[in-house]
């Protein structure tokens, strides 16, 4: 299910200086993040208090349930932001078609990880040493689903969308990609290259977003990518290797292929693969009219259309 880029623009008609300040895209970015992140953090604090009094393994199963609750809270409060600040419906979060889109995203993320791990295996860089408990498959899914939803709501649905209003689709792809990549600079085993690689790879996520203009495909891709990478195949996620996995492997081989200690996201092969798929998705979105130019270009075009309309009216 695709929606038009016009459906996710603010419908508010600001009156006065304060109204115009609130509707400025970067101000709306801050407001939207506060709407979504603050309730989720408050809920997390309450959940931690509850879980501290519960022993394992019950705590892990309860944590899975609360992951669903936190996802619902994030979606609900984003909807409130859109309703009260942007005066429209949150079509980008509509549940209609969400399961199908999320499923396709998970399938794409799983396929990318399977291709990469399969390559490692064929080259004898990946060898399974042992098998972890099956419960990891369930617990890992809920953990990475919540993390993926929050990151995509903040980086794509909020930040990308508002930055795009100012500097256009390509500008937003570049700027948010760089920000997304270098946010990971603080991760374990990160280098300038690994952050650059994530920035380049993020074009596949941006491509999924501009193609559908909804959260679900990018959410599924992000969740499926991290889940299969870590919980199934046991590869480090953006440098972090503290997660349990179903397959417990030993990985060796040249860093430019395997990503070394940072994981698959540090691989040159992964970067090229994501760039190719991402560019194809963005090109498809462009043909569908889903990309927009910078604010100043759109303004010039509007003025030209208005001038043309006035001239036509005068001539008649």
C-alpha atoms as a PDB file:
ATOM      1  CA  UNK A   1       0.000   0.000   0.000  1.00  0.00           C
ATOM      2  CA  UNK A   2       1.488   3.308  -1.126  1.00  0.00           C
ATOM      3  CA  UNK A   3       0.326   6.791  -0.201  1.00  0.00           C
ATOM      4  CA  UNK A   4       1.137  10.098  -1.839  1.00  0.00           C
ATOM      5  CA  UNK A   5       3.824  12.360  -0.436  1.00  0.00           C
ATOM      6  CA  UNK A   6       1.146  15.074  -0.307  1.00  0.00           C
ATOM      7  CA  UNK A   7      -0.798  13.068   2.285  1.00  0.00           C
ATOM      8  CA  UNK A   8       1.975  13.382   4.857  1.00  0.00           C
ATOM      9  CA  UNK A   9       2.436  17.142   4.727  1.00  0.00           C
ATOM     10  CA  UNK A  10       1.076  19.319   7.529  1.00  0.00           C
ATOM     11  CA  UNK A  11      -2.483  20.465   6.839  1.00  0.00           C
ATOM     12  CA  UNK A  12      -2.316  23.141   9.541  1.00  0.00           C
ATOM     13  CA  UNK A  13      -2.926  26.767   8.586  1.00  0.00           C
ATOM     14  CA  UNK A  14      -0.877  28.687  11.158  1.00  0.00           C
ATOM     15  CA  UNK A  15      -2.094  32.063  12.377  1.00  0.00           C
ATOM     16  CA  UNK A  16       0.363  34.526  13.891  1.00  0.00           C
ATOM     17  CA  UNK A  17       4.053  34.282  14.641  1.00  0.00           C
ATOM     18  CA  UNK A  18       3.762  31.451  17.178  1.00  0.00           C
ATOM     19  CA  UNK A  19       1.719  29.339  14.806  1.00  0.00           C
ATOM     20  CA  UNK A  20       4.274  29.787  12.042  1.00  0.00           C
ATOM     21  CA  UNK A  21       7.114  28.908  14.416  1.00  0.00           C
ATOM     22  CA  UNK A  22       5.356  25.703  15.503  1.00  0.00           C
ATOM     23  CA  UNK A  23       4.768  24.705  11.871  1.00  0.00           C
ATOM     24  CA  UNK A  24       8.377  25.241  10.832  1.00  0.00           C
ATOM     25  CA  UNK A  25       9.608  21.732   9.882  1.00  0.00           C
ATOM     26  CA  UNK A  26      12.548  21.584  12.302  1.00  0.00           C
ATOM     27  CA  UNK A  27      10.378  22.794  15.192  1.00  0.00           C
ATOM     28  CA  UNK A  28       7.808  20.121  14.341  1.00  0.00           C
ATOM     29  CA  UNK A  29      10.656  17.590  14.352  1.00  0.00           C
ATOM     30  CA  UNK A  30      11.475  18.407  17.974  1.00  0.00           C
ATOM     31  CA  UNK A  31       7.805  18.412  19.013  1.00  0.00           C
ATOM     32  CA  UNK A  32       7.161  15.073  17.303  1.00  0.00           C
ATOM     33  CA  UNK A  33      10.176  13.414  18.937  1.00  0.00           C
ATOM     34  CA  UNK A  34       9.031  14.660  22.348  1.00  0.00           C
ATOM     35  CA  UNK A  35       5.506  13.354  21.675  1.00  0.00           C
ATOM     36  CA  UNK A  36       6.844   9.866  20.886  1.00  0.00           C
ATOM     37  CA  UNK A  37      10.003   9.405  22.946  1.00  0.00           C
ATOM     38  CA  UNK A  38       8.935  10.856  26.317  1.00  0.00           C
ATOM     39  CA  UNK A  39       5.922   8.518  26.858  1.00  0.00           C
ATOM     40  CA  UNK A  40       8.003   5.523  25.755  1.00  0.00           C
ATOM     41  CA  UNK A  41      10.812   6.417  28.189  1.00  0.00           C
ATOM     42  CA  UNK A  42       8.353   6.924  31.047  1.00  0.00           C
ATOM     43  CA  UNK A  43       6.781   3.555  30.268  1.00  0.00           C
ATOM     44  CA  UNK A  44      10.231   1.946  30.146  1.00  0.00           C
ATOM     45  CA  UNK A  45      10.977   3.269  33.643  1.00  0.00           C
ATOM     46  CA  UNK A  46       7.771   1.760  34.970  1.00  0.00           C
ATOM     47  CA  UNK A  47       8.435  -1.539  33.200  1.00  0.00           C
ATOM     48  CA  UNK A  48      11.946  -1.766  34.649  1.00  0.00           C
ATOM     49  CA  UNK A  49      10.506  -1.355  38.149  1.00  0.00           C
ATOM     50  CA  UNK A  50       8.141  -4.247  37.534  1.00  0.00           C
ATOM     51  CA  UNK A  51      10.749  -6.514  35.940  1.00  0.00           C
ATOM     52  CA  UNK A  52      13.242  -5.927  38.743  1.00  0.00           C
ATOM     53  CA  UNK A  53      10.915  -7.858  41.032  1.00  0.00           C
ATOM     54  CA  UNK A  54      10.432 -10.789  38.633  1.00  0.00           C
ATOM     55  CA  UNK A  55      12.919 -13.609  38.104  1.00  0.00           C
ATOM     56  CA  UNK A  56      13.938 -15.203  34.825  1.00  0.00           C
ATOM     57  CA  UNK A  57      12.661 -16.769  32.637  1.00  0.00           C
ATOM     58  CA  UNK A  58       9.304 -15.126  33.408  1.00  0.00           C
ATOM     59  CA  UNK A  59      10.853 -11.649  33.142  1.00  0.00           C
ATOM     60  CA  UNK A  60      11.922 -12.275  29.524  1.00  0.00           C
ATOM     61  CA  UNK A  61       8.425 -13.302  28.462  1.00  0.00           C
ATOM     62  CA  UNK A  62       6.886 -10.301  30.215  1.00  0.00           C
ATOM     63  CA  UNK A  63       9.484  -8.069  28.540  1.00  0.00           C
ATOM     64  CA  UNK A  64       8.269  -9.385  25.152  1.00  0.00           C
ATOM     65  CA  UNK A  65       4.711  -8.385  25.991  1.00  0.00           C
ATOM     66  CA  UNK A  66       5.823  -4.927  27.089  1.00  0.00           C
ATOM     67  CA  UNK A  67       7.719  -4.522  23.792  1.00  0.00           C
ATOM     68  CA  UNK A  68       4.361  -4.771  22.007  1.00  0.00           C
ATOM     69  CA  UNK A  69       2.847  -2.289  24.464  1.00  0.00           C
ATOM     70  CA  UNK A  70       5.670   0.195  23.864  1.00  0.00           C
ATOM     71  CA  UNK A  71       5.244  -0.112  20.092  1.00  0.00           C
ATOM     72  CA  UNK A  72       1.529   0.620  20.499  1.00  0.00           C
ATOM     73  CA  UNK A  73       2.298   3.619  22.739  1.00  0.00           C
ATOM     74  CA  UNK A  74       4.759   5.048  20.193  1.00  0.00           C
ATOM     75  CA  UNK A  75       2.220   4.701  17.367  1.00  0.00           C
ATOM     76  CA  UNK A  76      -0.576   6.201  19.478  1.00  0.00           C
ATOM     77  CA  UNK A  77       1.372   9.274  20.564  1.00  0.00           C
ATOM     78  CA  UNK A  78       2.694   9.871  17.058  1.00  0.00           C
ATOM     79  CA  UNK A  79      -0.928   9.843  15.934  1.00  0.00           C
ATOM     80  CA  UNK A  80      -1.714  12.472  18.583  1.00  0.00           C
ATOM     81  CA  UNK A  81       1.108  14.676  17.292  1.00  0.00           C
ATOM     82  CA  UNK A  82      -0.180  14.459  13.738  1.00  0.00           C
ATOM     83  CA  UNK A  83      -3.760  15.095  14.805  1.00  0.00           C
ATOM     84  CA  UNK A  84      -3.149  18.114  17.021  1.00  0.00           C
ATOM     85  CA  UNK A  85      -0.088  19.718  15.413  1.00  0.00           C
ATOM     86  CA  UNK A  86      -0.364  18.843  11.714  1.00  0.00           C
ATOM     87  CA  UNK A  87      -4.185  18.652  11.607  1.00  0.00           C
ATOM     88  CA  UNK A  88      -4.389  15.465   9.549  1.00  0.00           C
ATOM     89  CA  UNK A  89      -4.649  11.684   9.779  1.00  0.00           C
ATOM     90  CA  UNK A  90      -1.482   9.649  10.300  1.00  0.00           C
ATOM     91  CA  UNK A  91      -1.781   7.738   7.018  1.00  0.00           C
ATOM     92  CA  UNK A  92       1.901   6.804   7.264  1.00  0.00           C
ATOM     93  CA  UNK A  93       1.028   4.802  10.408  1.00  0.00           C
ATOM     94  CA  UNK A  94      -2.310   3.408   9.253  1.00  0.00           C
ATOM     95  CA  UNK A  95      -2.713  -0.253  10.214  1.00  0.00           C
ATOM     96  CA  UNK A  96      -4.428  -1.038   6.908  1.00  0.00           C
ATOM     97  CA  UNK A  97      -2.011  -3.213   4.946  1.00  0.00           C
ATOM     98  CA  UNK A  98       0.586  -2.999   7.718  1.00  0.00           C
ATOM     99  CA  UNK A  99       1.030  -6.758   8.173  1.00  0.00           C
ATOM    100  CA  UNK A 100       1.682  -7.329   4.482  1.00  0.00           C
ATOM    101  CA  UNK A 101       4.153  -4.442   4.200  1.00  0.00           C
ATOM    102  CA  UNK A 102       5.945  -5.449   7.392  1.00  0.00           C
ATOM    103  CA  UNK A 103       6.150  -9.034   6.141  1.00  0.00           C
ATOM    104  CA  UNK A 104       7.719  -7.958   2.857  1.00  0.00           C
ATOM    105  CA  UNK A 105      10.200  -5.808   4.756  1.00  0.00           C
ATOM    106  CA  UNK A 106      11.173  -8.660   7.076  1.00  0.00           C
ATOM    107  CA  UNK A 107      11.562 -10.942   4.060  1.00  0.00           C
ATOM    108  CA  UNK A 108      13.886  -8.436   2.372  1.00  0.00           C
ATOM    109  CA  UNK A 109      15.975  -7.997   5.532  1.00  0.00           C
ATOM    110  CA  UNK A 110      16.154 -11.766   6.047  1.00  0.00           C
ATOM    111  CA  UNK A 111      17.128 -12.310   2.409  1.00  0.00           C
ATOM    112  CA  UNK A 112      19.952  -9.757   2.572  1.00  0.00           C
ATOM    113  CA  UNK A 113      21.358 -11.309   5.746  1.00  0.00           C
ATOM    114  CA  UNK A 114      21.010 -14.835   4.359  1.00  0.00           C
ATOM    115  CA  UNK A 115      22.836 -13.876   1.162  1.00  0.00           C
ATOM    116  CA  UNK A 116      25.701 -12.359   3.149  1.00  0.00           C
ATOM    117  CA  UNK A 117      26.000 -15.227   5.654  1.00  0.00           C
ATOM    118  CA  UNK A 118      25.664 -17.699   2.770  1.00  0.00           C
ATOM    119  CA  UNK A 119      28.582 -15.971   1.059  1.00  0.00           C
ATOM    120  CA  UNK A 120      30.646 -16.239   4.237  1.00  0.00           C
ATOM    121  CA  UNK A 121      29.763 -19.939   4.508  1.00  0.00           C
ATOM    122  CA  UNK A 122      30.685 -20.690   0.897  1.00  0.00           C
ATOM    123  CA  UNK A 123      34.039 -18.942   1.425  1.00  0.00           C
ATOM    124  CA  UNK A 124      34.547 -20.931   4.682  1.00  0.00           C
ATOM    125  CA  UNK A 125      34.483 -17.721   6.733  1.00  0.00           C
ATOM    126  CA  UNK A 126      31.393 -18.796   8.722  1.00  0.00           C
ATOM    127  CA  UNK A 127      31.236 -21.980  10.760  1.00  0.00           C
ATOM    128  CA  UNK A 128      28.504 -22.949  13.244  1.00  0.00           C
ATOM    129  CA  UNK A 129      30.035 -24.019  16.547  1.00  0.00           C
ATOM    130  CA  UNK A 130      26.873 -24.706  18.566  1.00  0.00           C
ATOM    131  CA  UNK A 131      23.113 -24.142  18.715  1.00  0.00           C
ATOM    132  CA  UNK A 132      21.508 -21.812  21.248  1.00  0.00           C
ATOM    133  CA  UNK A 133      18.117 -22.214  22.950  1.00  0.00           C
ATOM    134  CA  UNK A 134      15.027 -21.846  20.748  1.00  0.00           C
ATOM    135  CA  UNK A 135      13.583 -19.208  23.115  1.00  0.00           C
ATOM    136  CA  UNK A 136      16.145 -16.768  21.688  1.00  0.00           C
ATOM    137  CA  UNK A 137      14.222 -16.810  18.417  1.00  0.00           C
ATOM    138  CA  UNK A 138      11.169 -15.367  20.181  1.00  0.00           C
ATOM    139  CA  UNK A 139      12.829 -12.970  22.607  1.00  0.00           C
ATOM    140  CA  UNK A 140      15.158 -11.579  19.946  1.00  0.00           C
ATOM    141  CA  UNK A 141      12.275 -10.843  17.595  1.00  0.00           C
ATOM    142  CA  UNK A 142      10.434  -8.642  20.090  1.00  0.00           C
ATOM    143  CA  UNK A 143      13.614  -6.853  21.148  1.00  0.00           C
ATOM    144  CA  UNK A 144      14.670  -5.954  17.613  1.00  0.00           C
ATOM    145  CA  UNK A 145      11.098  -5.153  16.526  1.00  0.00           C
ATOM    146  CA  UNK A 146      10.750  -2.463  19.186  1.00  0.00           C
ATOM    147  CA  UNK A 147      14.208  -1.021  18.481  1.00  0.00           C
ATOM    148  CA  UNK A 148      13.553  -0.938  14.735  1.00  0.00           C
ATOM    149  CA  UNK A 149      10.177   0.769  15.086  1.00  0.00           C
ATOM    150  CA  UNK A 150      11.557   3.503  17.325  1.00  0.00           C
ATOM    151  CA  UNK A 151      14.524   4.182  15.048  1.00  0.00           C
ATOM    152  CA  UNK A 152      12.387   4.318  11.925  1.00  0.00           C
ATOM    153  CA  UNK A 153       9.749   6.553  13.498  1.00  0.00           C
ATOM    154  CA  UNK A 154      12.442   8.994  14.617  1.00  0.00           C
ATOM    155  CA  UNK A 155      14.770   8.872  11.610  1.00  0.00           C
ATOM    156  CA  UNK A 156      12.369   8.361   8.708  1.00  0.00           C
ATOM    157  CA  UNK A 157       8.790   9.223   9.671  1.00  0.00           C
ATOM    158  CA  UNK A 158       9.766  12.297  11.700  1.00  0.00           C
ATOM    159  CA  UNK A 159      13.256  13.535  10.815  1.00  0.00           C
ATOM    160  CA  UNK A 160      13.403  12.537   7.136  1.00  0.00           C
ATOM    161  CA  UNK A 161       9.906  13.824   6.437  1.00  0.00           C
ATOM    162  CA  UNK A 162      10.492  17.235   7.981  1.00  0.00           C
ATOM    163  CA  UNK A 163      14.000  17.715   6.591  1.00  0.00           C
ATOM    164  CA  UNK A 164      12.625  16.787   3.172  1.00  0.00           C
ATOM    165  CA  UNK A 165      10.181  19.696   3.354  1.00  0.00           C
ATOM    166  CA  UNK A 166      13.179  22.041   3.473  1.00  0.00           C
ATOM    167  CA  UNK A 167      15.876  20.517   1.277  1.00  0.00           C
ATOM    168  CA  UNK A 168      13.998  17.986  -0.839  1.00  0.00           C
ATOM    169  CA  UNK A 169      14.090  14.198  -1.063  1.00  0.00           C
ATOM    170  CA  UNK A 170      17.694  13.767  -2.208  1.00  0.00           C
ATOM    171  CA  UNK A 171      18.919  16.246   0.374  1.00  0.00           C
ATOM    172  CA  UNK A 172      17.028  14.362   3.085  1.00  0.00           C
ATOM    173  CA  UNK A 173      18.424  11.026   1.887  1.00  0.00           C
ATOM    174  CA  UNK A 174      21.987  12.352   2.149  1.00  0.00           C
ATOM    175  CA  UNK A 175      21.605  14.313   5.404  1.00  0.00           C
ATOM    176  CA  UNK A 176      19.630  11.757   7.396  1.00  0.00           C
ATOM    177  CA  UNK A 177      21.815   8.968   6.007  1.00  0.00           C
ATOM    178  CA  UNK A 178      24.940  10.690   7.308  1.00  0.00           C
ATOM    179  CA  UNK A 179      23.296  11.336  10.667  1.00  0.00           C
ATOM    180  CA  UNK A 180      22.071   7.736  10.906  1.00  0.00           C
ATOM    181  CA  UNK A 181      25.520   6.432  10.026  1.00  0.00           C
ATOM    182  CA  UNK A 182      27.542   8.588  12.362  1.00  0.00           C
ATOM    183  CA  UNK A 183      25.185   8.104  15.299  1.00  0.00           C
ATOM    184  CA  UNK A 184      26.690   4.596  15.245  1.00  0.00           C
ATOM    185  CA  UNK A 185      30.185   6.031  15.678  1.00  0.00           C
ATOM    186  CA  UNK A 186      29.790   5.543  19.445  1.00  0.00           C
ATOM    187  CA  UNK A 187      29.151   1.800  19.032  1.00  0.00           C
ATOM    188  CA  UNK A 188      31.765  -0.808  19.992  1.00  0.00           C
ATOM    189  CA  UNK A 189      34.334  -1.527  17.262  1.00  0.00           C
ATOM    190  CA  UNK A 190      33.113   1.422  15.176  1.00  0.00           C
ATOM    191  CA  UNK A 191      35.411   3.272  12.790  1.00  0.00           C
ATOM    192  CA  UNK A 192      34.976   6.112  10.332  1.00  0.00           C
ATOM    193  CA  UNK A 193      34.503   3.505   7.604  1.00  0.00           C
ATOM    194  CA  UNK A 194      31.778   1.560   9.450  1.00  0.00           C
ATOM    195  CA  UNK A 195      29.795   4.768  10.055  1.00  0.00           C
ATOM    196  CA  UNK A 196      30.229   5.724   6.397  1.00  0.00           C
ATOM    197  CA  UNK A 197      29.122   2.236   5.371  1.00  0.00           C
ATOM    198  CA  UNK A 198      25.925   2.478   7.443  1.00  0.00           C
ATOM    199  CA  UNK A 199      25.259   5.926   5.965  1.00  0.00           C
ATOM    200  CA  UNK A 200      25.582   4.495   2.449  1.00  0.00           C
ATOM    201  CA  UNK A 201      23.561   1.385   3.282  1.00  0.00           C
ATOM    202  CA  UNK A 202      20.743   3.524   4.693  1.00  0.00           C
ATOM    203  CA  UNK A 203      19.709   4.444   1.151  1.00  0.00           C
ATOM    204  CA  UNK A 204      17.891   1.094   1.000  1.00  0.00           C
ATOM    205  CA  UNK A 205      15.830   2.136   4.036  1.00  0.00           C
ATOM    206  CA  UNK A 206      15.210   5.606   2.601  1.00  0.00           C
ATOM    207  CA  UNK A 207      14.265   3.953  -0.693  1.00  0.00           C
ATOM    208  CA  UNK A 208      11.645   1.778   0.994  1.00  0.00           C
ATOM    209  CA  UNK A 209      10.264   4.837   2.769  1.00  0.00           C
ATOM    210  CA  UNK A 210       9.968   7.157  -0.247  1.00  0.00           C
ATOM    211  CA  UNK A 211       8.520   4.266  -2.259  1.00  0.00           C
ATOM    212  CA  UNK A 212       5.619   3.655   0.155  1.00  0.00           C
ATOM    213  CA  UNK A 213       5.670   6.851   2.281  1.00  0.00           C
ATOM    214  CA  UNK A 214       4.672   4.618   5.203  1.00  0.00           C
ATOM    215  CA  UNK A 215       6.548   3.187   8.172  1.00  0.00           C
ATOM    216  CA  UNK A 216       5.755  -0.500   7.779  1.00  0.00           C
ATOM    217  CA  UNK A 217       8.045  -1.614   4.958  1.00  0.00           C
ATOM    218  CA  UNK A 218      11.067   0.167   6.457  1.00  0.00           C
ATOM    219  CA  UNK A 219      10.162  -1.120   9.916  1.00  0.00           C
ATOM    220  CA  UNK A 220      10.043  -4.696   8.614  1.00  0.00           C
ATOM    221  CA  UNK A 221      13.319  -4.302   6.716  1.00  0.00           C
ATOM    222  CA  UNK A 222      15.134  -2.853   9.730  1.00  0.00           C
ATOM    223  CA  UNK A 223      13.706  -5.408  12.171  1.00  0.00           C
ATOM    224  CA  UNK A 224      14.310  -8.366   9.846  1.00  0.00           C
ATOM    225  CA  UNK A 225      17.868  -7.203   9.088  1.00  0.00           C
ATOM    226  CA  UNK A 226      18.902  -6.947  12.748  1.00  0.00           C
ATOM    227  CA  UNK A 227      16.916  -9.975  13.900  1.00  0.00           C
ATOM    228  CA  UNK A 228      18.327 -12.415  11.364  1.00  0.00           C
ATOM    229  CA  UNK A 229      21.795 -10.911  11.638  1.00  0.00           C
ATOM    230  CA  UNK A 230      21.932 -11.297  15.409  1.00  0.00           C
ATOM    231  CA  UNK A 231      19.287 -13.614  16.849  1.00  0.00           C
ATOM    232  CA  UNK A 232      19.473 -16.184  14.040  1.00  0.00           C
ATOM    233  CA  UNK A 233      22.963 -16.031  12.527  1.00  0.00           C
ATOM    234  CA  UNK A 234      24.891 -14.735  15.563  1.00  0.00           C
ATOM    235  CA  UNK A 235      26.687 -11.890  13.785  1.00  0.00           C
ATOM    236  CA  UNK A 236      27.510  -8.620  15.576  1.00  0.00           C
ATOM    237  CA  UNK A 237      24.914  -5.876  15.064  1.00  0.00           C
ATOM    238  CA  UNK A 238      26.644  -2.545  14.359  1.00  0.00           C
ATOM    239  CA  UNK A 239      29.578  -3.641  16.496  1.00  0.00           C
ATOM    240  CA  UNK A 240      27.526  -5.000  19.416  1.00  0.00           C
ATOM    241  CA  UNK A 241      28.048  -8.712  20.038  1.00  0.00           C
ATOM    242  CA  UNK A 242      26.416  -9.171  23.431  1.00  0.00           C
ATOM    243  CA  UNK A 243      23.229 -10.714  22.042  1.00  0.00           C
ATOM    244  CA  UNK A 244      22.414 -14.413  22.255  1.00  0.00           C
ATOM    245  CA  UNK A 245      21.700 -16.261  19.011  1.00  0.00           C
ATOM    246  CA  UNK A 246      20.218 -19.489  17.699  1.00  0.00           C
ATOM    247  CA  UNK A 247      23.358 -20.264  15.688  1.00  0.00           C
ATOM    248  CA  UNK A 248      26.601 -19.652  17.556  1.00  0.00           C
ATOM    249  CA  UNK A 249      29.301 -19.242  14.891  1.00  0.00           C
ATOM    250  CA  UNK A 250      32.981 -18.547  14.526  1.00  0.00           C
ATOM    251  CA  UNK A 251      33.671 -15.989  11.794  1.00  0.00           C
ATOM    252  CA  UNK A 252      36.978 -15.317  10.099  1.00  0.00           C
ATOM    253  CA  UNK A 253      38.118 -13.846   6.818  1.00  0.00           C
ATOM    254  CA  UNK A 254      39.119 -10.473   5.355  1.00  0.00           C
ATOM    255  CA  UNK A 255      37.448  -7.489   7.027  1.00  0.00           C
ATOM    256  CA  UNK A 256      36.372  -5.944   3.720  1.00  0.00           C
ATOM    257  CA  UNK A 257      34.088  -8.950   3.163  1.00  0.00           C
ATOM    258  CA  UNK A 258      33.030  -9.951   6.695  1.00  0.00           C
ATOM    259  CA  UNK A 259      33.083  -6.540   8.375  1.00  0.00           C
ATOM    260  CA  UNK A 260      35.367  -7.997  11.032  1.00  0.00           C
ATOM    261  CA  UNK A 261      34.268  -7.292  14.637  1.00  0.00           C
ATOM    262  CA  UNK A 262      31.729  -4.659  13.590  1.00  0.00           C
ATOM    263  CA  UNK A 263      29.682  -7.249  11.720  1.00  0.00           C
ATOM    264  CA  UNK A 264      28.089  -7.458   8.293  1.00  0.00           C
ATOM    265  CA  UNK A 265      27.326  -3.726   8.219  1.00  0.00           C
ATOM    266  CA  UNK A 266      31.073  -3.079   8.006  1.00  0.00           C
ATOM    267  CA  UNK A 267      31.359  -5.155   4.823  1.00  0.00           C
ATOM    268  CA  UNK A 268      32.081  -3.533   1.457  1.00  0.00           C
ATOM    269  CA  UNK A 269      29.948  -6.228  -0.177  1.00  0.00           C
ATOM    270  CA  UNK A 270      26.933  -5.375   1.986  1.00  0.00           C
ATOM    271  CA  UNK A 271      27.403  -1.682   1.237  1.00  0.00           C
ATOM    272  CA  UNK A 272      27.454  -2.179  -2.542  1.00  0.00           C
ATOM    273  CA  UNK A 273      24.446  -4.535  -2.410  1.00  0.00           C
ATOM    274  CA  UNK A 274      22.369  -2.075  -0.357  1.00  0.00           C
ATOM    275  CA  UNK A 275      23.398   0.849  -2.563  1.00  0.00           C
ATOM    276  CA  UNK A 276      22.227  -0.944  -5.700  1.00  0.00           C
ATOM    277  CA  UNK A 277      18.860  -1.983  -4.247  1.00  0.00           C
ATOM    278  CA  UNK A 278      18.361   1.398  -2.567  1.00  0.00           C
ATOM    279  CA  UNK A 279      19.065   3.403  -5.726  1.00  0.00           C
ATOM    280  CA  UNK A 280      16.655   1.206  -7.701  1.00  0.00           C
ATOM    281  CA  UNK A 281      13.943   1.827  -5.080  1.00  0.00           C
ATOM    282  CA  UNK A 282      14.528   5.594  -5.107  1.00  0.00           C
ATOM    283  CA  UNK A 283      14.417   5.628  -8.936  1.00  0.00           C
ATOM    284  CA  UNK A 284      11.130   3.697  -8.816  1.00  0.00           C
ATOM    285  CA  UNK A 285       9.749   6.186  -6.286  1.00  0.00           C
ATOM    286  CA  UNK A 286      10.856   9.055  -8.523  1.00  0.00           C
ATOM    287  CA  UNK A 287       8.959   7.622 -11.498  1.00  0.00           C
ATOM    288  CA  UNK A 288       5.896   7.386  -9.246  1.00  0.00           C
ATOM    289  CA  UNK A 289       6.178  11.083  -8.362  1.00  0.00           C
ATOM    290  CA  UNK A 290       7.102  10.363  -4.739  1.00  0.00           C
ATOM    291  CA  UNK A 291      10.177  12.615  -4.622  1.00  0.00           C
ATOM    292  CA  UNK A 292      10.061  16.361  -3.985  1.00  0.00           C
ATOM    293  CA  UNK A 293      12.513  19.155  -4.677  1.00  0.00           C
ATOM    294  CA  UNK A 294      13.939  21.642  -2.163  1.00  0.00           C
ATOM    295  CA  UNK A 295      11.647  24.325  -0.729  1.00  0.00           C
ATOM    296  CA  UNK A 296      13.183  27.118  -2.810  1.00  0.00           C
ATOM    297  CA  UNK A 297      12.760  25.143  -6.047  1.00  0.00           C
ATOM    298  CA  UNK A 298       9.130  24.367  -5.230  1.00  0.00           C
ATOM    299  CA  UNK A 299       8.548  28.048  -4.458  1.00  0.00           C
ATOM    300  CA  UNK A 300       9.943  29.138  -7.829  1.00  0.00           C
ATOM    301  CA  UNK A 301       7.774  26.580  -9.624  1.00  0.00           C
ATOM    302  CA  UNK A 302       4.645  27.731  -7.759  1.00  0.00           C
ATOM    303  CA  UNK A 303       5.350  31.341  -8.654  1.00  0.00           C
ATOM    304  CA  UNK A 304       5.867  30.363 -12.290  1.00  0.00           C
ATOM    305  CA  UNK A 305       2.536  28.493 -12.341  1.00  0.00           C
ATOM    306  CA  UNK A 306       0.723  31.446 -10.745  1.00  0.00           C
ATOM    307  CA  UNK A 307       2.297  33.852 -13.223  1.00  0.00           C
ATOM    308  CA  UNK A 308       1.298  31.605 -16.096  1.00  0.00           C
ATOM    309  CA  UNK A 309      -2.295  31.436 -14.791  1.00  0.00           C
ATOM    310  CA  UNK A 310      -2.497  35.238 -14.529  1.00  0.00           C
ATOM    311  CA  UNK A 311      -1.127  35.677 -18.057  1.00  0.00           C
ATOM    312  CA  UNK A 312      -3.623  33.164 -19.414  1.00  0.00           C
ATOM    313  CA  UNK A 313      -6.488  34.948 -17.715  1.00  0.00           C
ATOM    314  CA  UNK A 314      -5.379  38.307 -19.082  1.00  0.00           C
ATOM    315  CA  UNK A 315      -5.070  36.951 -22.596  1.00  0.00           C
ATOM    316  CA  UNK A 316      -8.583  35.562 -22.519  1.00  0.00           C
END
